[in-house]
C-alpha cells in the first residue's frame, strides 16, 4: 500500500473554490482501480503545541494499492481537468509518497 500526503498551498481568496473543484473530482478518483482513500484536510485548531499550522494549506490524504495505481491516477482525464481548473489557484505543492515501515 502507498500513502500520499500532498500539501497544496492555495491562494486565500481561492480556497473555497479550490475545495469545491477538488471535492467534485473525488467520486471519479475513488472509482479508479487501486484507490483506497482520497480526501482533502485542513488544519484543525487544537491546544497541542506540536502542530505546524498554515491556513493556506490543504493536505490531501491518499492511499493506493500500488505505485502503479498512483502513476495511472496522475494521468487520468479527470485529474488533468482538475489540474487545468486549479493551476492558477495554487502557489505551492509538496508531495510525500510513503510506504508502511
N, C-alpha and C. Protein backbone atom coordinates (compact mmCIF):
# COMPACT_ATOMS: atom_id res chain seq x y z
N UNK A 1 0.84 -1.18 0.00
CA UNK A 1 0.00 0.00 0.00
C UNK A 1 0.89 1.24 0.00
N UNK A 2 0.46 2.24 -0.75
CA UNK A 2 1.15 3.52 -0.87
C UNK A 2 0.27 4.60 -0.25
N UNK A 3 0.86 5.44 0.58
CA UNK A 3 0.15 6.59 1.14
C UNK A 3 0.77 7.85 0.58
N UNK A 4 -0.07 8.79 0.18
CA UNK A 4 0.39 10.06 -0.35
C UNK A 4 -0.15 11.18 0.54
N UNK A 5 0.73 12.10 0.91
CA UNK A 5 0.34 13.33 1.59
C UNK A 5 0.75 14.47 0.68
N UNK A 6 -0.23 15.12 0.09
CA UNK A 6 0.04 16.23 -0.82
C UNK A 6 -0.39 17.52 -0.13
N UNK A 7 0.56 18.37 0.20
CA UNK A 7 0.26 19.66 0.83
C UNK A 7 0.23 20.72 -0.25
N UNK A 8 -0.97 21.27 -0.47
CA UNK A 8 -1.18 22.23 -1.54
C UNK A 8 -1.45 23.60 -0.92
N UNK A 9 -0.60 24.57 -1.26
CA UNK A 9 -0.82 25.94 -0.78
C UNK A 9 -1.69 26.65 -1.80
N UNK A 10 -2.83 27.16 -1.30
CA UNK A 10 -3.85 27.76 -2.15
C UNK A 10 -3.97 29.24 -1.82
N UNK A 11 -4.15 30.06 -2.85
CA UNK A 11 -4.39 31.48 -2.63
C UNK A 11 -5.60 31.64 -1.71
N UNK A 12 -5.48 32.52 -0.71
CA UNK A 12 -6.52 32.68 0.30
C UNK A 12 -7.90 32.92 -0.31
N UNK A 13 -7.96 33.78 -1.30
CA UNK A 13 -9.25 34.13 -1.90
C UNK A 13 -9.80 33.03 -2.79
N UNK A 14 -9.02 31.98 -3.05
CA UNK A 14 -9.44 30.88 -3.93
C UNK A 14 -9.69 29.57 -3.19
N UNK A 15 -9.49 29.56 -1.88
CA UNK A 15 -9.56 28.30 -1.14
C UNK A 15 -10.93 27.63 -1.24
N UNK A 16 -12.01 28.38 -1.08
CA UNK A 16 -13.35 27.80 -1.17
C UNK A 16 -13.60 27.21 -2.55
N UNK A 17 -13.24 27.96 -3.59
CA UNK A 17 -13.42 27.48 -4.96
C UNK A 17 -12.56 26.25 -5.23
N UNK A 18 -11.32 26.27 -4.74
CA UNK A 18 -10.43 25.13 -4.90
C UNK A 18 -11.05 23.87 -4.28
N UNK A 19 -11.54 24.00 -3.05
CA UNK A 19 -12.13 22.85 -2.37
C UNK A 19 -13.38 22.34 -3.09
N UNK A 20 -14.18 23.22 -3.65
CA UNK A 20 -15.36 22.79 -4.42
C UNK A 20 -14.94 21.97 -5.63
N UNK A 21 -13.94 22.45 -6.36
CA UNK A 21 -13.44 21.72 -7.54
C UNK A 21 -12.85 20.39 -7.12
N UNK A 22 -12.06 20.40 -6.05
CA UNK A 22 -11.43 19.18 -5.58
C UNK A 22 -12.49 18.15 -5.19
N UNK A 23 -13.45 18.57 -4.37
CA UNK A 23 -14.48 17.64 -3.89
C UNK A 23 -15.35 17.10 -5.03
N UNK A 24 -15.56 17.89 -6.05
CA UNK A 24 -16.34 17.43 -7.20
C UNK A 24 -15.61 16.30 -7.95
N UNK A 25 -14.30 16.25 -7.82
CA UNK A 25 -13.48 15.26 -8.50
C UNK A 25 -13.34 13.96 -7.71
N UNK A 26 -13.69 13.98 -6.43
CA UNK A 26 -13.49 12.81 -5.57
C UNK A 26 -14.19 11.55 -6.09
N UNK A 27 -15.46 11.60 -6.49
CA UNK A 27 -16.09 10.35 -6.97
C UNK A 27 -15.34 9.69 -8.13
N UNK A 28 -14.83 10.48 -9.05
CA UNK A 28 -14.08 9.91 -10.19
C UNK A 28 -12.79 9.26 -9.71
N UNK A 29 -12.12 9.90 -8.76
CA UNK A 29 -10.87 9.33 -8.24
C UNK A 29 -11.15 8.05 -7.47
N UNK A 30 -12.16 8.07 -6.62
CA UNK A 30 -12.47 6.87 -5.82
C UNK A 30 -12.93 5.70 -6.69
N UNK A 31 -13.40 5.99 -7.89
CA UNK A 31 -13.81 4.92 -8.80
C UNK A 31 -12.61 4.29 -9.52
N UNK A 32 -11.45 4.89 -9.41
CA UNK A 32 -10.26 4.36 -10.06
C UNK A 32 -9.85 3.04 -9.42
N UNK A 33 -9.36 2.13 -10.25
CA UNK A 33 -8.82 0.87 -9.78
C UNK A 33 -7.61 1.17 -8.88
N UNK A 34 -7.63 0.66 -7.67
CA UNK A 34 -6.49 0.83 -6.78
C UNK A 34 -6.60 1.95 -5.78
N UNK A 35 -7.63 2.79 -5.87
CA UNK A 35 -7.80 3.88 -4.91
C UNK A 35 -8.48 3.34 -3.65
N UNK A 36 -7.82 3.52 -2.51
CA UNK A 36 -8.37 3.09 -1.23
C UNK A 36 -8.94 4.25 -0.42
N UNK A 37 -8.26 5.39 -0.46
CA UNK A 37 -8.69 6.60 0.26
C UNK A 37 -8.29 7.81 -0.56
N UNK A 38 -9.10 8.88 -0.47
CA UNK A 38 -8.78 10.10 -1.19
C UNK A 38 -9.66 11.21 -0.63
N UNK A 39 -9.06 12.13 0.14
CA UNK A 39 -9.86 13.21 0.71
C UNK A 39 -8.97 14.39 1.10
N UNK A 40 -9.58 15.60 1.10
CA UNK A 40 -8.85 16.80 1.49
C UNK A 40 -8.99 17.03 3.00
N UNK A 41 -7.96 17.63 3.60
CA UNK A 41 -8.00 18.00 5.00
C UNK A 41 -7.43 19.42 5.16
N UNK A 42 -7.85 20.07 6.24
CA UNK A 42 -7.28 21.38 6.58
C UNK A 42 -6.87 21.33 8.05
N UNK A 43 -6.06 22.28 8.46
CA UNK A 43 -5.58 22.31 9.84
C UNK A 43 -6.74 22.40 10.82
N UNK A 44 -6.58 21.70 11.92
CA UNK A 44 -7.57 21.64 12.99
C UNK A 44 -6.99 22.37 14.19
N UNK A 45 -7.73 23.31 14.70
CA UNK A 45 -7.27 24.10 15.84
C UNK A 45 -7.30 23.25 17.11
N UNK A 46 -6.16 23.09 17.74
CA UNK A 46 -6.05 22.33 18.98
C UNK A 46 -5.10 23.06 19.93
N UNK A 47 -5.12 22.72 21.20
CA UNK A 47 -4.17 23.31 22.13
C UNK A 47 -2.79 22.64 22.10
N UNK A 48 -2.64 21.62 21.28
CA UNK A 48 -1.36 20.91 21.21
C UNK A 48 -0.29 21.79 20.57
N UNK A 49 0.85 21.92 21.21
CA UNK A 49 1.88 22.85 20.72
C UNK A 49 2.70 22.34 19.54
N UNK A 50 2.58 21.08 19.19
CA UNK A 50 3.46 20.49 18.18
C UNK A 50 3.02 20.73 16.75
N UNK A 51 1.83 21.25 16.57
CA UNK A 51 1.29 21.38 15.22
C UNK A 51 1.86 22.59 14.49
N UNK A 52 2.26 22.37 13.26
CA UNK A 52 2.70 23.44 12.36
C UNK A 52 1.52 23.79 11.48
N UNK A 53 0.84 24.90 11.80
CA UNK A 53 -0.41 25.24 11.11
C UNK A 53 -0.18 26.27 10.00
N UNK A 54 -0.96 26.12 8.95
CA UNK A 54 -0.94 27.08 7.85
C UNK A 54 -2.33 27.06 7.20
N UNK A 55 -3.08 28.13 7.39
CA UNK A 55 -4.46 28.19 6.89
C UNK A 55 -4.54 28.12 5.37
N UNK A 56 -3.44 28.40 4.68
CA UNK A 56 -3.44 28.38 3.22
C UNK A 56 -3.24 26.98 2.65
N UNK A 57 -2.91 26.02 3.50
CA UNK A 57 -2.58 24.68 3.02
C UNK A 57 -3.77 23.73 3.13
N UNK A 58 -4.03 23.02 2.04
CA UNK A 58 -4.98 21.91 2.01
C UNK A 58 -4.12 20.66 1.83
N UNK A 59 -4.24 19.73 2.77
CA UNK A 59 -3.48 18.49 2.68
C UNK A 59 -4.39 17.38 2.18
N UNK A 60 -3.97 16.76 1.10
CA UNK A 60 -4.72 15.66 0.51
C UNK A 60 -4.14 14.36 1.05
N UNK A 61 -5.00 13.50 1.56
CA UNK A 61 -4.59 12.19 2.05
C UNK A 61 -5.08 11.15 1.05
N UNK A 62 -4.14 10.38 0.55
CA UNK A 62 -4.46 9.37 -0.46
C UNK A 62 -3.87 8.03 -0.05
N UNK A 63 -4.56 6.96 -0.34
CA UNK A 63 -3.99 5.63 -0.20
C UNK A 63 -4.30 4.84 -1.46
N UNK A 64 -3.26 4.16 -1.95
CA UNK A 64 -3.36 3.41 -3.20
C UNK A 64 -2.84 1.99 -2.98
N UNK A 65 -3.40 1.05 -3.70
CA UNK A 65 -2.98 -0.35 -3.59
C UNK A 65 -1.54 -0.54 -4.02
N UNK A 66 -1.09 0.29 -4.99
CA UNK A 66 0.26 0.12 -5.53
C UNK A 66 0.76 1.43 -6.13
N UNK A 67 2.05 1.50 -6.36
CA UNK A 67 2.62 2.67 -7.03
C UNK A 67 2.11 2.75 -8.47
N UNK A 68 1.84 1.62 -9.08
CA UNK A 68 1.29 1.61 -10.43
C UNK A 68 -0.08 2.28 -10.49
N UNK A 69 -0.91 2.01 -9.49
CA UNK A 69 -2.23 2.64 -9.44
C UNK A 69 -2.10 4.14 -9.27
N UNK A 70 -1.15 4.59 -8.46
CA UNK A 70 -0.91 6.02 -8.28
C UNK A 70 -0.42 6.65 -9.58
N UNK A 71 0.49 5.98 -10.26
CA UNK A 71 1.00 6.50 -11.53
C UNK A 71 -0.11 6.63 -12.56
N UNK A 72 -1.01 5.66 -12.62
CA UNK A 72 -2.13 5.74 -13.56
C UNK A 72 -3.07 6.89 -13.18
N UNK A 73 -3.29 7.10 -11.88
CA UNK A 73 -4.16 8.16 -11.39
C UNK A 73 -3.73 9.53 -11.89
N UNK A 74 -2.44 9.77 -11.88
CA UNK A 74 -1.90 11.09 -12.24
C UNK A 74 -2.27 11.48 -13.67
N UNK A 75 -2.41 10.50 -14.55
CA UNK A 75 -2.66 10.78 -15.96
C UNK A 75 -4.09 10.56 -16.43
N UNK A 76 -5.02 10.40 -15.49
CA UNK A 76 -6.42 10.21 -15.89
C UNK A 76 -7.00 11.53 -16.41
N UNK A 77 -7.97 11.46 -17.30
CA UNK A 77 -8.58 12.69 -17.82
C UNK A 77 -9.15 13.61 -16.74
N UNK A 78 -9.77 13.02 -15.71
CA UNK A 78 -10.34 13.88 -14.66
C UNK A 78 -9.27 14.58 -13.84
N UNK A 79 -8.09 13.98 -13.68
CA UNK A 79 -7.01 14.66 -12.94
C UNK A 79 -6.38 15.75 -13.81
N UNK A 80 -6.27 15.51 -15.09
CA UNK A 80 -5.75 16.55 -16.00
C UNK A 80 -6.71 17.74 -16.00
N UNK A 81 -8.02 17.48 -16.03
CA UNK A 81 -9.01 18.56 -15.99
C UNK A 81 -8.95 19.31 -14.66
N UNK A 82 -8.80 18.58 -13.55
CA UNK A 82 -8.67 19.20 -12.22
C UNK A 82 -7.45 20.13 -12.18
N UNK A 83 -6.32 19.66 -12.69
CA UNK A 83 -5.10 20.49 -12.70
C UNK A 83 -5.30 21.75 -13.53
N UNK A 84 -5.96 21.62 -14.67
CA UNK A 84 -6.23 22.79 -15.53
C UNK A 84 -7.10 23.81 -14.80
N UNK A 85 -8.12 23.33 -14.09
CA UNK A 85 -9.06 24.22 -13.40
C UNK A 85 -8.43 24.92 -12.19
N UNK A 86 -7.45 24.28 -11.54
CA UNK A 86 -6.92 24.81 -10.29
C UNK A 86 -5.52 25.41 -10.39
N UNK A 87 -4.87 25.32 -11.53
CA UNK A 87 -3.47 25.73 -11.62
C UNK A 87 -3.23 27.17 -11.21
N UNK A 88 -4.15 28.08 -11.47
CA UNK A 88 -3.97 29.49 -11.11
C UNK A 88 -4.38 29.78 -9.67
N UNK A 89 -4.82 28.77 -8.95
CA UNK A 89 -5.21 28.92 -7.54
C UNK A 89 -4.10 28.50 -6.59
N UNK A 90 -3.15 27.75 -7.11
CA UNK A 90 -2.13 27.10 -6.28
C UNK A 90 -0.82 27.89 -6.33
N UNK A 91 -0.23 28.10 -5.14
CA UNK A 91 1.06 28.80 -5.07
C UNK A 91 2.19 27.90 -4.61
N UNK A 92 1.87 26.68 -4.19
CA UNK A 92 2.91 25.76 -3.76
C UNK A 92 2.38 24.35 -3.64
N UNK A 93 3.29 23.39 -3.74
CA UNK A 93 2.92 21.98 -3.67
C UNK A 93 4.08 21.18 -3.10
N UNK A 94 3.77 20.35 -2.12
CA UNK A 94 4.75 19.44 -1.55
C UNK A 94 4.10 18.06 -1.46
N UNK A 95 4.76 17.07 -2.02
CA UNK A 95 4.18 15.71 -2.02
C UNK A 95 5.12 14.74 -1.35
N UNK A 96 4.55 13.92 -0.45
CA UNK A 96 5.27 12.82 0.20
C UNK A 96 4.59 11.53 -0.25
N UNK A 97 5.37 10.63 -0.81
CA UNK A 97 4.88 9.31 -1.18
C UNK A 97 5.51 8.33 -0.22
N UNK A 98 4.67 7.63 0.54
CA UNK A 98 5.14 6.83 1.68
C UNK A 98 4.72 5.37 1.54
N UNK A 99 5.49 4.51 2.16
CA UNK A 99 5.11 3.11 2.29
C UNK A 99 5.17 2.74 3.76
N UNK A 100 4.45 1.69 4.15
CA UNK A 100 4.47 1.26 5.53
C UNK A 100 5.89 0.82 5.91
N UNK A 101 6.28 1.18 7.10
CA UNK A 101 7.64 0.83 7.59
C UNK A 101 7.64 -0.56 8.20
